[in-house]
Amino acid sequence: MAKNPQKGLEAALQKAPIVPVMVIEDVKHAVPLARALVKGGLPVLEITLRTAAALDCIKAIVKEVEGAIVGSGTVLNAQQLKQSEKAGCVFAVSPGCTPKILKAAKDQKIALLPASRSPSEAMLLLEHGYALQKFFPAEQSGGAPYLAALASPLPQVRFCPTGGITPALAPSYLKLANVITLGGSWMAPKAMVTEGKWDEIEKLAREAAALRHAK
């Protein structure tokens, strides 16, 4: 029997309307940042592998933050996919997809969320068993109206749009039947993270979590 490359992913992504997408420079910020976001109602976290500290941040959050569902982001190759699983990630997010990553995903337990931005790319991923896909870059690729247009010909695919989405734009995505959740970074501004303003980040997370009811 073929392995489900997205086992458990749907249940995880449904736990919050917004997935915070984070670039964490300093591991000392990882745990308090994650705790603020989880406390604010956003338990599904994506830590991008864009910094030298990223994997250590993931390990710290997995170990110390109760209730956090941790994923890696900006996964570009098989090695990063393996590193993400070893670090304790539940899922890994890629800004696109390649044959090598698809092949590697068959050998890993971690669920992969690959990205598409065209009907052909979405269909190709669907053929490989990926009914959940990231839509990136969302706003630059046509935004919510574009995704709405894909719902009829590709009803099997549900998307996590990410890229250029703001609190004002989020409701237009969340009301779509083919959107399972969306990714954003506005609830964890770099300046607030650097200054350790965890209460303010928690407040922003709470406001973002409330967008579920704005559908």
N, C-alpha and C. Protein backbone atom coordinates (compact mmCIF):
# COMPACT_ATOMS: atom_id res chain seq x y z
N MET A 1 0.85 -1.20 0.00
CA MET A 1 0.00 0.00 0.00
C MET A 1 0.88 1.25 0.00
N ALA A 2 0.58 2.19 -0.88
CA ALA A 2 1.39 3.40 -1.01
C ALA A 2 1.26 4.27 0.25
N LYS A 3 2.35 4.88 0.64
CA LYS A 3 2.37 5.77 1.81
C LYS A 3 1.60 7.04 1.50
N ASN A 4 0.84 7.50 2.47
CA ASN A 4 0.16 8.79 2.35
C ASN A 4 1.18 9.88 2.66
N PRO A 5 1.59 10.69 1.68
CA PRO A 5 2.64 11.68 1.92
C PRO A 5 2.19 12.85 2.77
N GLN A 6 0.89 12.90 3.12
CA GLN A 6 0.38 14.01 3.92
C GLN A 6 -0.42 13.52 5.13
N LYS A 7 -0.03 12.38 5.64
CA LYS A 7 -0.73 11.79 6.78
C LYS A 7 -0.73 12.74 7.97
N GLY A 8 -1.90 13.02 8.49
CA GLY A 8 -2.04 13.88 9.65
C GLY A 8 -2.00 15.37 9.37
N LEU A 9 -1.68 15.75 8.14
CA LEU A 9 -1.50 17.16 7.83
C LEU A 9 -2.82 17.93 7.85
N GLU A 10 -3.86 17.36 7.32
CA GLU A 10 -5.15 18.06 7.30
C GLU A 10 -5.62 18.38 8.72
N ALA A 11 -5.53 17.39 9.60
CA ALA A 11 -5.95 17.59 10.99
C ALA A 11 -5.13 18.69 11.65
N ALA A 12 -3.83 18.74 11.34
CA ALA A 12 -2.96 19.76 11.93
C ALA A 12 -3.32 21.15 11.43
N LEU A 13 -3.47 21.30 10.12
CA LEU A 13 -3.72 22.62 9.54
C LEU A 13 -5.09 23.17 9.91
N GLN A 14 -6.03 22.29 10.24
CA GLN A 14 -7.36 22.75 10.60
C GLN A 14 -7.44 23.33 12.01
N LYS A 15 -6.36 23.24 12.77
CA LYS A 15 -6.39 23.69 14.15
C LYS A 15 -6.30 25.20 14.31
N ALA A 16 -6.00 25.92 13.23
CA ALA A 16 -5.94 27.38 13.30
C ALA A 16 -6.15 27.98 11.92
N PRO A 17 -6.79 29.15 11.84
CA PRO A 17 -7.03 29.76 10.53
C PRO A 17 -5.77 30.35 9.91
N ILE A 18 -4.78 30.67 10.77
CA ILE A 18 -3.53 31.28 10.30
C ILE A 18 -2.35 30.47 10.83
N VAL A 19 -1.38 30.21 9.96
CA VAL A 19 -0.12 29.60 10.37
C VAL A 19 0.94 30.71 10.37
N PRO A 20 1.46 31.08 11.54
CA PRO A 20 2.53 32.08 11.57
C PRO A 20 3.77 31.54 10.84
N VAL A 21 4.27 32.31 9.90
CA VAL A 21 5.48 31.94 9.16
C VAL A 21 6.62 32.81 9.70
N MET A 22 7.60 32.15 10.32
CA MET A 22 8.61 32.90 11.08
C MET A 22 10.03 32.68 10.58
N VAL A 23 10.78 33.78 10.58
CA VAL A 23 12.21 33.76 10.33
C VAL A 23 12.86 34.15 11.65
N ILE A 24 13.39 33.18 12.38
CA ILE A 24 13.93 33.45 13.72
C ILE A 24 15.46 33.48 13.66
N GLU A 25 16.01 34.61 14.02
CA GLU A 25 17.46 34.81 13.93
C GLU A 25 18.20 34.29 15.17
N ASP A 26 17.55 34.37 16.34
CA ASP A 26 18.21 34.05 17.60
C ASP A 26 17.41 32.99 18.34
N VAL A 27 18.06 31.89 18.71
CA VAL A 27 17.36 30.78 19.35
C VAL A 27 16.73 31.19 20.68
N LYS A 28 17.26 32.22 21.32
CA LYS A 28 16.69 32.64 22.62
C LYS A 28 15.28 33.21 22.46
N HIS A 29 14.93 33.61 21.25
CA HIS A 29 13.59 34.14 21.00
C HIS A 29 12.57 33.04 20.68
N ALA A 30 13.04 31.88 20.33
CA ALA A 30 12.16 30.84 19.79
C ALA A 30 11.06 30.42 20.75
N VAL A 31 11.42 30.03 21.95
CA VAL A 31 10.43 29.51 22.90
C VAL A 31 9.44 30.56 23.36
N PRO A 32 9.88 31.75 23.81
CA PRO A 32 8.89 32.76 24.22
C PRO A 32 8.00 33.22 23.07
N LEU A 33 8.54 33.27 21.86
CA LEU A 33 7.73 33.64 20.70
C LEU A 33 6.67 32.59 20.44
N ALA A 34 7.08 31.33 20.43
CA ALA A 34 6.13 30.25 20.19
C ALA A 34 5.06 30.19 21.28
N ARG A 35 5.47 30.39 22.52
CA ARG A 35 4.49 30.37 23.62
C ARG A 35 3.46 31.48 23.47
N ALA A 36 3.90 32.67 23.05
CA ALA A 36 2.98 33.79 22.85
C ALA A 36 1.97 33.48 21.75
N LEU A 37 2.45 32.89 20.68
CA LEU A 37 1.57 32.57 19.55
C LEU A 37 0.57 31.47 19.91
N VAL A 38 1.05 30.44 20.58
CA VAL A 38 0.17 29.34 20.99
C VAL A 38 -0.87 29.85 21.99
N LYS A 39 -0.43 30.66 22.95
CA LYS A 39 -1.35 31.21 23.95
C LYS A 39 -2.40 32.10 23.29
N GLY A 40 -2.01 32.76 22.19
CA GLY A 40 -2.93 33.61 21.46
C GLY A 40 -3.88 32.86 20.55
N GLY A 41 -3.74 31.54 20.47
CA GLY A 41 -4.67 30.73 19.69
C GLY A 41 -4.16 30.27 18.34
N LEU A 42 -2.84 30.40 18.13
CA LEU A 42 -2.25 29.96 16.87
C LEU A 42 -1.21 28.86 17.16
N PRO A 43 -1.64 27.61 17.30
CA PRO A 43 -0.73 26.53 17.69
C PRO A 43 0.11 25.95 16.57
N VAL A 44 -0.28 26.19 15.31
CA VAL A 44 0.44 25.62 14.17
C VAL A 44 1.48 26.62 13.70
N LEU A 45 2.74 26.27 13.82
CA LEU A 45 3.84 27.21 13.59
C LEU A 45 4.75 26.72 12.47
N GLU A 46 5.14 27.63 11.59
CA GLU A 46 6.10 27.32 10.53
C GLU A 46 7.37 28.13 10.76
N ILE A 47 8.47 27.43 11.05
CA ILE A 47 9.76 28.08 11.22
C ILE A 47 10.57 27.84 9.97
N THR A 48 10.84 28.90 9.24
CA THR A 48 11.54 28.76 7.96
C THR A 48 13.02 28.46 8.17
N LEU A 49 13.56 27.66 7.27
CA LEU A 49 14.97 27.29 7.35
C LEU A 49 15.83 28.32 6.62
N ARG A 50 15.65 29.57 6.97
CA ARG A 50 16.38 30.66 6.31
C ARG A 50 17.49 31.23 7.18
N THR A 51 17.62 30.71 8.39
CA THR A 51 18.66 31.20 9.28
C THR A 51 19.47 30.04 9.82
N ALA A 52 20.66 30.36 10.30
CA ALA A 52 21.54 29.33 10.88
C ALA A 52 20.93 28.75 12.15
N ALA A 53 20.07 29.52 12.81
CA ALA A 53 19.49 29.08 14.08
C ALA A 53 18.20 28.27 13.92
N ALA A 54 17.69 28.18 12.71
CA ALA A 54 16.35 27.63 12.50
C ALA A 54 16.14 26.24 13.10
N LEU A 55 17.03 25.31 12.82
CA LEU A 55 16.84 23.94 13.32
C LEU A 55 16.91 23.88 14.84
N ASP A 56 17.80 24.66 15.44
CA ASP A 56 17.87 24.70 16.90
C ASP A 56 16.60 25.33 17.48
N CYS A 57 16.05 26.31 16.80
CA CYS A 57 14.79 26.92 17.22
C CYS A 57 13.67 25.89 17.21
N ILE A 58 13.62 25.12 16.15
CA ILE A 58 12.59 24.08 16.02
C ILE A 58 12.71 23.08 17.16
N LYS A 59 13.92 22.61 17.40
CA LYS A 59 14.14 21.62 18.47
C LYS A 59 13.71 22.17 19.83
N ALA A 60 14.03 23.43 20.09
CA ALA A 60 13.68 24.04 21.37
C ALA A 60 12.16 24.16 21.53
N ILE A 61 11.48 24.57 20.48
CA ILE A 61 10.02 24.73 20.54
C ILE A 61 9.35 23.38 20.71
N VAL A 62 9.79 22.39 19.95
CA VAL A 62 9.22 21.04 20.06
C VAL A 62 9.36 20.52 21.49
N LYS A 63 10.50 20.77 22.10
CA LYS A 63 10.80 20.26 23.44
C LYS A 63 10.08 21.02 24.54
N GLU A 64 9.94 22.34 24.38
CA GLU A 64 9.53 23.17 25.51
C GLU A 64 8.16 23.82 25.42
N VAL A 65 7.55 23.86 24.25
CA VAL A 65 6.28 24.59 24.12
C VAL A 65 5.11 23.63 23.97
N GLU A 66 4.38 23.49 25.05
CA GLU A 66 3.23 22.59 25.06
C GLU A 66 2.14 23.10 24.11
N GLY A 67 1.61 22.20 23.32
CA GLY A 67 0.53 22.55 22.40
C GLY A 67 0.97 23.04 21.04
N ALA A 68 2.26 23.24 20.85
CA ALA A 68 2.75 23.72 19.55
C ALA A 68 2.82 22.57 18.55
N ILE A 69 2.35 22.84 17.36
CA ILE A 69 2.45 21.90 16.24
C ILE A 69 3.43 22.53 15.27
N VAL A 70 4.64 21.98 15.22
CA VAL A 70 5.74 22.67 14.57
C VAL A 70 6.05 22.10 13.18
N GLY A 71 6.20 23.01 12.24
CA GLY A 71 6.61 22.65 10.89
C GLY A 71 7.78 23.49 10.45
N SER A 72 8.50 23.01 9.48
CA SER A 72 9.61 23.78 8.90
C SER A 72 9.13 24.41 7.60
N GLY A 73 9.77 25.51 7.22
CA GLY A 73 9.42 26.18 5.97
C GLY A 73 10.64 26.41 5.12
N THR A 74 10.41 26.82 3.88
CA THR A 74 11.48 27.04 2.91
C THR A 74 12.35 25.79 2.78
N VAL A 75 11.69 24.64 2.71
CA VAL A 75 12.40 23.37 2.52
C VAL A 75 12.66 23.20 1.02
N LEU A 76 13.94 23.18 0.66
CA LEU A 76 14.32 23.22 -0.75
C LEU A 76 14.89 21.92 -1.28
N ASN A 77 15.24 20.99 -0.38
CA ASN A 77 15.89 19.76 -0.85
C ASN A 77 15.66 18.60 0.11
N ALA A 78 16.12 17.44 -0.29
CA ALA A 78 15.92 16.22 0.49
C ALA A 78 16.61 16.30 1.85
N GLN A 79 17.79 16.89 1.90
CA GLN A 79 18.52 16.99 3.16
C GLN A 79 17.73 17.80 4.19
N GLN A 80 17.16 18.92 3.77
CA GLN A 80 16.37 19.74 4.69
C GLN A 80 15.11 19.03 5.14
N LEU A 81 14.56 18.22 4.27
CA LEU A 81 13.37 17.43 4.64
C LEU A 81 13.74 16.45 5.75
N LYS A 82 14.86 15.77 5.59
CA LYS A 82 15.33 14.83 6.61
C LYS A 82 15.67 15.55 7.91
N GLN A 83 16.33 16.70 7.80
CA GLN A 83 16.68 17.47 8.99
C GLN A 83 15.43 17.92 9.74
N SER A 84 14.39 18.29 9.00
CA SER A 84 13.14 18.73 9.61
C SER A 84 12.50 17.61 10.41
N GLU A 85 12.49 16.42 9.83
CA GLU A 85 11.90 15.28 10.54
C GLU A 85 12.71 14.96 11.79
N LYS A 86 14.03 14.97 11.67
CA LYS A 86 14.90 14.66 12.80
C LYS A 86 14.74 15.69 13.92
N ALA A 87 14.47 16.94 13.56
CA ALA A 87 14.30 18.01 14.55
C ALA A 87 12.96 17.92 15.27
N GLY A 88 12.05 17.10 14.77
CA GLY A 88 10.77 16.91 15.43
C GLY A 88 9.58 17.57 14.76
N CYS A 89 9.76 18.05 13.54
CA CYS A 89 8.66 18.71 12.83
C CYS A 89 7.55 17.71 12.47
N VAL A 90 6.33 18.19 12.53
CA VAL A 90 5.17 17.40 12.10
C VAL A 90 4.99 17.50 10.59
N PHE A 91 5.38 18.65 10.04
CA PHE A 91 5.23 18.86 8.60
C PHE A 91 6.37 19.75 8.08
N ALA A 92 6.53 19.74 6.77
CA ALA A 92 7.53 20.56 6.11
C ALA A 92 6.86 21.26 4.94
N VAL A 93 7.20 22.53 4.75
CA VAL A 93 6.59 23.34 3.70
C VAL A 93 7.65 23.75 2.68
N SER A 94 7.34 23.58 1.40
CA SER A 94 8.26 23.97 0.34
C SER A 94 7.63 25.09 -0.49
N PRO A 95 8.43 26.06 -0.96
CA PRO A 95 7.90 27.14 -1.78
C PRO A 95 7.58 26.71 -3.20
N GLY A 96 7.93 25.48 -3.53
CA GLY A 96 7.65 24.92 -4.85
C GLY A 96 7.66 23.42 -4.73
N CYS A 97 8.15 22.74 -5.75
CA CYS A 97 8.30 21.29 -5.65
C CYS A 97 9.22 20.81 -6.76
N THR A 98 10.00 19.77 -6.44
CA THR A 98 10.90 19.18 -7.43
C THR A 98 10.77 17.67 -7.37
N PRO A 99 11.16 16.97 -8.43
CA PRO A 99 11.13 15.50 -8.41
C PRO A 99 11.94 14.92 -7.25
N LYS A 100 13.06 15.54 -6.91
CA LYS A 100 13.91 15.03 -5.83
C LYS A 100 13.21 15.12 -4.48
N ILE A 101 12.49 16.23 -4.25
CA ILE A 101 11.78 16.37 -2.97
C ILE A 101 10.63 15.36 -2.90
N LEU A 102 9.93 15.19 -4.00
CA LEU A 102 8.84 14.21 -4.03
C LEU A 102 9.36 12.81 -3.74
N LYS A 103 10.50 12.48 -4.31
CA LYS A 103 11.12 11.17 -4.08
C LYS A 103 11.53 11.01 -2.63
N ALA A 104 12.16 12.06 -2.07
CA ALA A 104 12.61 12.01 -0.68
C ALA A 104 11.44 11.88 0.29
N ALA A 105 10.32 12.53 -0.05
CA ALA A 105 9.15 12.50 0.84
C ALA A 105 8.59 11.09 0.99
N LYS A 106 8.81 10.26 0.00
CA LYS A 106 8.33 8.88 0.08
C LYS A 106 9.07 8.08 1.14
N ASP A 107 10.29 8.53 1.46
CA ASP A 107 11.12 7.81 2.43
C ASP A 107 11.07 8.41 3.83
N GLN A 108 10.30 9.50 4.00
CA GLN A 108 10.22 10.17 5.30
C GLN A 108 8.81 10.06 5.86
N LYS A 109 8.72 10.09 7.19
CA LYS A 109 7.41 10.05 7.84
C LYS A 109 6.76 11.43 7.85
N ILE A 110 7.58 12.47 7.82
CA ILE A 110 7.07 13.84 7.89
C ILE A 110 6.15 14.15 6.72
N ALA A 111 5.07 14.88 7.01
CA ALA A 111 4.13 15.27 5.95
C ALA A 111 4.68 16.47 5.20
N LEU A 112 4.55 16.45 3.89
CA LEU A 112 5.04 17.54 3.04
C LEU A 112 3.89 18.37 2.50
N LEU A 113 4.06 19.70 2.60
CA LEU A 113 3.11 20.63 1.98
C LEU A 113 3.86 21.35 0.86
N PRO A 114 3.78 20.83 -0.37
CA PRO A 114 4.47 21.46 -1.50
C PRO A 114 3.61 22.58 -2.08
N ALA A 115 4.25 23.46 -2.84
CA ALA A 115 3.52 24.60 -3.38
C ALA A 115 3.25 24.48 -4.87
N SER A 116 2.13 25.06 -5.27
CA SER A 116 1.78 25.20 -6.68
C SER A 116 1.23 26.59 -6.90
N ARG A 117 1.26 27.05 -8.15
CA ARG A 117 0.65 28.35 -8.46
C ARG A 117 -0.04 28.33 -9.81
N SER A 118 -0.20 27.13 -10.40
CA SER A 118 -0.91 27.01 -11.67
C SER A 118 -1.72 25.72 -11.67
N PRO A 119 -2.75 25.63 -12.51
CA PRO A 119 -3.53 24.39 -12.58
C PRO A 119 -2.66 23.18 -12.91
N SER A 120 -1.69 23.34 -13.82
CA SER A 120 -0.85 22.21 -14.20
C SER A 120 -0.01 21.73 -13.02
N GLU A 121 0.57 22.66 -12.27
CA GLU A 121 1.35 22.28 -11.09
C GLU A 121 0.47 21.60 -10.05
N ALA A 122 -0.72 22.13 -9.84
CA ALA A 122 -1.65 21.54 -8.87
C ALA A 122 -2.04 20.13 -9.29
N MET A 123 -2.29 19.94 -10.57
CA MET A 123 -2.66 18.62 -11.07
C MET A 123 -1.51 17.62 -10.91
N LEU A 124 -0.29 18.07 -11.18
CA LEU A 124 0.87 17.20 -11.05
C LEU A 124 1.04 16.74 -9.60
N LEU A 125 0.92 17.66 -8.67
CA LEU A 125 1.03 17.30 -7.26
C LEU A 125 -0.11 16.37 -6.84
N LEU A 126 -1.29 16.62 -7.36
CA LEU A 126 -2.44 15.77 -7.05
C LEU A 126 -2.19 14.33 -7.51
N GLU A 127 -1.54 14.18 -8.66
CA GLU A 127 -1.21 12.85 -9.17
C GLU A 127 -0.28 12.10 -8.23
N HIS A 128 0.52 12.85 -7.47
CA HIS A 128 1.46 12.24 -6.52
C HIS A 128 0.86 12.10 -5.12
N GLY A 129 -0.41 12.41 -4.99
CA GLY A 129 -1.08 12.22 -3.71
C GLY A 129 -1.15 13.45 -2.82
N TYR A 130 -0.86 14.62 -3.38
CA TYR A 130 -0.84 15.86 -2.60
C TYR A 130 -2.11 16.68 -2.85
N ALA A 131 -3.13 16.41 -2.06
CA ALA A 131 -4.40 17.14 -2.19
C ALA A 131 -4.35 18.45 -1.40
N LEU A 132 -3.39 18.56 -0.48
CA LEU A 132 -3.16 19.81 0.26
C LEU A 132 -1.91 20.46 -0.30
N GLN A 133 -2.04 21.72 -0.71
CA GLN A 133 -0.92 22.41 -1.36
C GLN A 133 -0.81 23.85 -0.86
N LYS A 134 0.41 24.32 -0.81
CA LYS A 134 0.64 25.72 -0.54
C LYS A 134 0.43 26.50 -1.84
N PHE A 135 -0.17 27.67 -1.74
CA PHE A 135 -0.31 28.54 -2.92
C PHE A 135 0.60 29.73 -2.68
N PHE A 136 1.67 29.81 -3.46
CA PHE A 136 2.71 30.81 -3.21
C PHE A 136 3.34 31.31 -4.50
N PRO A 137 3.64 32.61 -4.59
CA PRO A 137 3.25 33.69 -3.66
C PRO A 137 1.82 34.12 -3.93
N ALA A 138 1.01 34.11 -2.92
CA ALA A 138 -0.44 34.23 -3.08
C ALA A 138 -0.89 35.53 -3.74
N GLU A 139 -0.59 36.65 -3.12
CA GLU A 139 -1.07 37.93 -3.65
C GLU A 139 -0.48 38.24 -5.02
N GLN A 140 0.79 37.92 -5.20
CA GLN A 140 1.46 38.20 -6.46
C GLN A 140 0.99 37.29 -7.59
N SER A 141 0.31 36.19 -7.22
CA SER A 141 -0.14 35.22 -8.23
C SER A 141 -1.62 35.32 -8.55
N GLY A 142 -2.28 36.34 -8.04
CA GLY A 142 -3.70 36.51 -8.36
C GLY A 142 -4.61 36.54 -7.16
N GLY A 143 -4.08 36.20 -5.99
CA GLY A 143 -4.85 36.33 -4.76
C GLY A 143 -6.08 35.46 -4.64
N ALA A 144 -6.99 35.90 -3.79
CA ALA A 144 -8.21 35.14 -3.52
C ALA A 144 -9.07 34.90 -4.76
N PRO A 145 -9.22 35.88 -5.66
CA PRO A 145 -10.02 35.63 -6.86
C PRO A 145 -9.46 34.49 -7.71
N TYR A 146 -8.14 34.40 -7.79
CA TYR A 146 -7.50 33.33 -8.56
C TYR A 146 -7.80 31.98 -7.92
N LEU A 147 -7.66 31.90 -6.59
CA LEU A 147 -7.94 30.63 -5.91
C LEU A 147 -9.40 30.24 -6.06
N ALA A 148 -10.28 31.22 -6.00
CA ALA A 148 -11.72 30.94 -6.17
C ALA A 148 -11.99 30.32 -7.53
N ALA A 149 -11.25 30.78 -8.53
CA ALA A 149 -11.43 30.26 -9.89
C ALA A 149 -10.96 28.82 -10.03
N LEU A 150 -10.02 28.39 -9.16
CA LEU A 150 -9.50 27.03 -9.21
C LEU A 150 -10.43 26.01 -8.54
N ALA A 151 -11.35 26.50 -7.71
CA ALA A 151 -12.19 25.60 -6.92
C ALA A 151 -13.06 24.70 -7.78
N SER A 152 -13.59 25.24 -8.86
CA SER A 152 -14.50 24.44 -9.69
C SER A 152 -13.79 23.34 -10.48
N PRO A 153 -12.70 23.64 -11.22
CA PRO A 153 -12.04 22.58 -11.98
C PRO A 153 -11.18 21.65 -11.11
N LEU A 154 -10.77 22.12 -9.91
CA LEU A 154 -9.89 21.31 -9.05
C LEU A 154 -10.46 21.23 -7.63
N PRO A 155 -11.66 20.66 -7.49
CA PRO A 155 -12.30 20.62 -6.16
C PRO A 155 -11.57 19.72 -5.17
N GLN A 156 -10.70 18.84 -5.68
CA GLN A 156 -9.97 17.92 -4.79
C GLN A 156 -8.86 18.62 -4.02
N VAL A 157 -8.42 19.77 -4.51
CA VAL A 157 -7.25 20.44 -3.92
C VAL A 157 -7.69 21.52 -2.93
N ARG A 158 -7.05 21.51 -1.75
CA ARG A 158 -7.25 22.59 -0.78
C ARG A 158 -5.90 23.26 -0.56
N PHE A 159 -5.94 24.56 -0.41
CA PHE A 159 -4.72 25.35 -0.41
C PHE A 159 -4.45 26.04 0.93
N CYS A 160 -3.16 26.28 1.16
CA CYS A 160 -2.69 27.17 2.23
C CYS A 160 -1.99 28.33 1.55
N PRO A 161 -2.72 29.39 1.21
CA PRO A 161 -2.09 30.53 0.54
C PRO A 161 -1.15 31.28 1.47
N THR A 162 -0.01 31.67 0.95
CA THR A 162 1.01 32.39 1.71
C THR A 162 1.72 33.37 0.78
N GLY A 163 1.99 34.57 1.30
CA GLY A 163 2.74 35.54 0.51
C GLY A 163 1.96 36.81 0.28
N GLY A 164 2.31 37.87 1.01
CA GLY A 164 1.66 39.16 0.82
C GLY A 164 0.30 39.31 1.46
N ILE A 165 -0.10 38.33 2.28
CA ILE A 165 -1.44 38.39 2.89
C ILE A 165 -1.37 39.22 4.18
N THR A 166 -2.32 40.12 4.32
CA THR A 166 -2.42 41.00 5.48
C THR A 166 -3.70 40.67 6.26
N PRO A 167 -3.86 41.21 7.48
CA PRO A 167 -5.11 40.97 8.21
C PRO A 167 -6.34 41.42 7.43
N ALA A 168 -6.20 42.49 6.66
CA ALA A 168 -7.34 42.99 5.88
C ALA A 168 -7.70 42.04 4.73
N LEU A 169 -6.70 41.39 4.17
CA LEU A 169 -6.94 40.48 3.05
C LEU A 169 -7.34 39.08 3.48
N ALA A 170 -6.95 38.68 4.69
CA ALA A 170 -7.16 37.31 5.15
C ALA A 170 -8.60 36.81 5.03
N PRO A 171 -9.62 37.59 5.43
CA PRO A 171 -10.98 37.08 5.34
C PRO A 171 -11.41 36.68 3.93
N SER A 172 -10.89 37.36 2.91
CA SER A 172 -11.27 37.03 1.53
C SER A 172 -10.75 35.66 1.14
N TYR A 173 -9.66 35.22 1.77
CA TYR A 173 -9.14 33.87 1.53
C TYR A 173 -9.88 32.83 2.38
N LEU A 174 -10.07 33.16 3.65
CA LEU A 174 -10.64 32.19 4.59
C LEU A 174 -12.08 31.80 4.25
N LYS A 175 -12.77 32.65 3.49
CA LYS A 175 -14.16 32.33 3.14
C LYS A 175 -14.24 31.32 1.99
N LEU A 176 -13.10 31.05 1.33
CA LEU A 176 -13.10 30.15 0.19
C LEU A 176 -13.14 28.69 0.64
N ALA A 177 -13.94 27.89 -0.06
CA ALA A 177 -14.09 26.47 0.30
C ALA A 177 -12.80 25.69 0.08
N ASN A 178 -11.94 26.16 -0.83
CA ASN A 178 -10.71 25.42 -1.12
C ASN A 178 -9.49 25.96 -0.38
N VAL A 179 -9.73 26.73 0.68
CA VAL A 179 -8.64 27.20 1.54
C VAL A 179 -8.78 26.54 2.91
N ILE A 180 -7.77 25.80 3.34
CA ILE A 180 -7.82 25.10 4.63
C ILE A 180 -7.29 25.98 5.75
N THR A 181 -6.30 26.79 5.45
CA THR A 181 -5.73 27.76 6.38
C THR A 181 -4.86 28.68 5.53
N LEU A 182 -4.22 29.66 6.13
CA LEU A 182 -3.31 30.49 5.35
C LEU A 182 -2.08 30.84 6.18
N GLY A 183 -1.03 31.22 5.51
CA GLY A 183 0.22 31.57 6.18
C GLY A 183 0.43 33.07 6.18
N GLY A 184 0.95 33.57 7.30
CA GLY A 184 1.22 35.00 7.40
C GLY A 184 2.28 35.28 8.44
N SER A 185 2.84 36.47 8.39
CA SER A 185 3.92 36.81 9.32
C SER A 185 3.63 38.05 10.14
N TRP A 186 2.45 38.68 9.94
CA TRP A 186 2.19 39.97 10.56
C TRP A 186 2.02 39.88 12.08
N MET A 187 1.71 38.70 12.61
CA MET A 187 1.50 38.60 14.05
C MET A 187 2.81 38.45 14.85
N ALA A 188 3.92 38.39 14.13
CA ALA A 188 5.22 38.31 14.81
C ALA A 188 6.22 39.24 14.12
N PRO A 189 5.99 40.56 14.18
CA PRO A 189 6.89 41.51 13.53
C PRO A 189 8.30 41.41 14.10
N LYS A 190 9.28 41.57 13.24
CA LYS A 190 10.68 41.42 13.64
C LYS A 190 11.04 42.33 14.81
N ALA A 191 10.57 43.57 14.78
CA ALA A 191 10.90 44.52 15.85
C ALA A 191 10.36 44.06 17.20
N MET A 192 9.14 43.54 17.21
CA MET A 192 8.54 43.06 18.46
C MET A 192 9.30 41.85 18.99
N VAL A 193 9.71 40.97 18.08
CA VAL A 193 10.46 39.78 18.49
C VAL A 193 11.80 40.20 19.09
N THR A 194 12.49 41.09 18.41
CA THR A 194 13.80 41.56 18.89
C THR A 194 13.70 42.22 20.26
N GLU A 195 12.60 42.96 20.47
CA GLU A 195 12.42 43.67 21.74
C GLU A 195 11.72 42.83 22.81
N GLY A 196 11.35 41.58 22.43
CA GLY A 196 10.73 40.70 23.41
C GLY A 196 9.34 41.12 23.85
N LYS A 197 8.58 41.70 22.96
CA LYS A 197 7.23 42.16 23.30
C LYS A 197 6.22 41.02 23.13
N TRP A 198 6.35 40.03 24.01
CA TRP A 198 5.55 38.81 23.87
C TRP A 198 4.07 39.04 24.11
N ASP A 199 3.71 39.93 25.02
CA ASP A 199 2.30 40.21 25.28
C ASP A 199 1.64 40.83 24.05
N GLU A 200 2.37 41.71 23.36
CA GLU A 200 1.83 42.34 22.16
C GLU A 200 1.69 41.32 21.03
N ILE A 201 2.65 40.41 20.94
CA ILE A 201 2.57 39.35 19.92
C ILE A 201 1.40 38.43 20.22
N GLU A 202 1.20 38.13 21.50
CA GLU A 202 0.04 37.30 21.87
C GLU A 202 -1.27 37.98 21.46
N LYS A 203 -1.33 39.29 21.65
CA LYS A 203 -2.54 40.05 21.27
C LYS A 203 -2.76 39.97 19.76
N LEU A 204 -1.70 40.13 18.99
CA LEU A 204 -1.81 40.03 17.53
C LEU A 204 -2.24 38.62 17.10
N ALA A 205 -1.72 37.62 17.80
CA ALA A 205 -2.09 36.24 17.50
C ALA A 205 -3.57 36.00 17.80
N ARG A 206 -4.04 36.57 18.91
CA ARG A 206 -5.44 36.41 19.29
C ARG A 206 -6.35 37.05 18.23
N GLU A 207 -5.94 38.21 17.73
CA GLU A 207 -6.73 38.89 16.69
C GLU A 207 -6.72 38.07 15.39
N ALA A 208 -5.58 37.46 15.09
CA ALA A 208 -5.48 36.63 13.88
C ALA A 208 -6.33 35.38 14.03
N ALA A 209 -6.30 34.77 15.21
CA ALA A 209 -7.11 33.56 15.44
C ALA A 209 -8.59 33.86 15.31
N ALA A 210 -9.01 35.07 15.65
CA ALA A 210 -10.42 35.45 15.57
C ALA A 210 -10.89 35.60 14.13
N LEU A 211 -9.96 35.65 13.19
CA LEU A 211 -10.34 35.80 11.79
C LEU A 211 -11.08 34.58 11.27
N ARG A 212 -10.96 33.45 11.98
CA ARG A 212 -11.73 32.26 11.59
C ARG A 212 -13.21 32.58 11.54
N HIS A 213 -13.65 33.45 12.43
CA HIS A 213 -15.07 33.78 12.53
C HIS A 213 -15.46 34.92 11.58
N ALA A 214 -14.49 35.38 10.80
CA ALA A 214 -14.78 36.46 9.85
C ALA A 214 -15.22 35.92 8.50
N LYS A 215 -15.31 34.60 8.38
CA LYS A 215 -15.68 34.01 7.09
C LYS A 215 -17.06 34.48 6.66
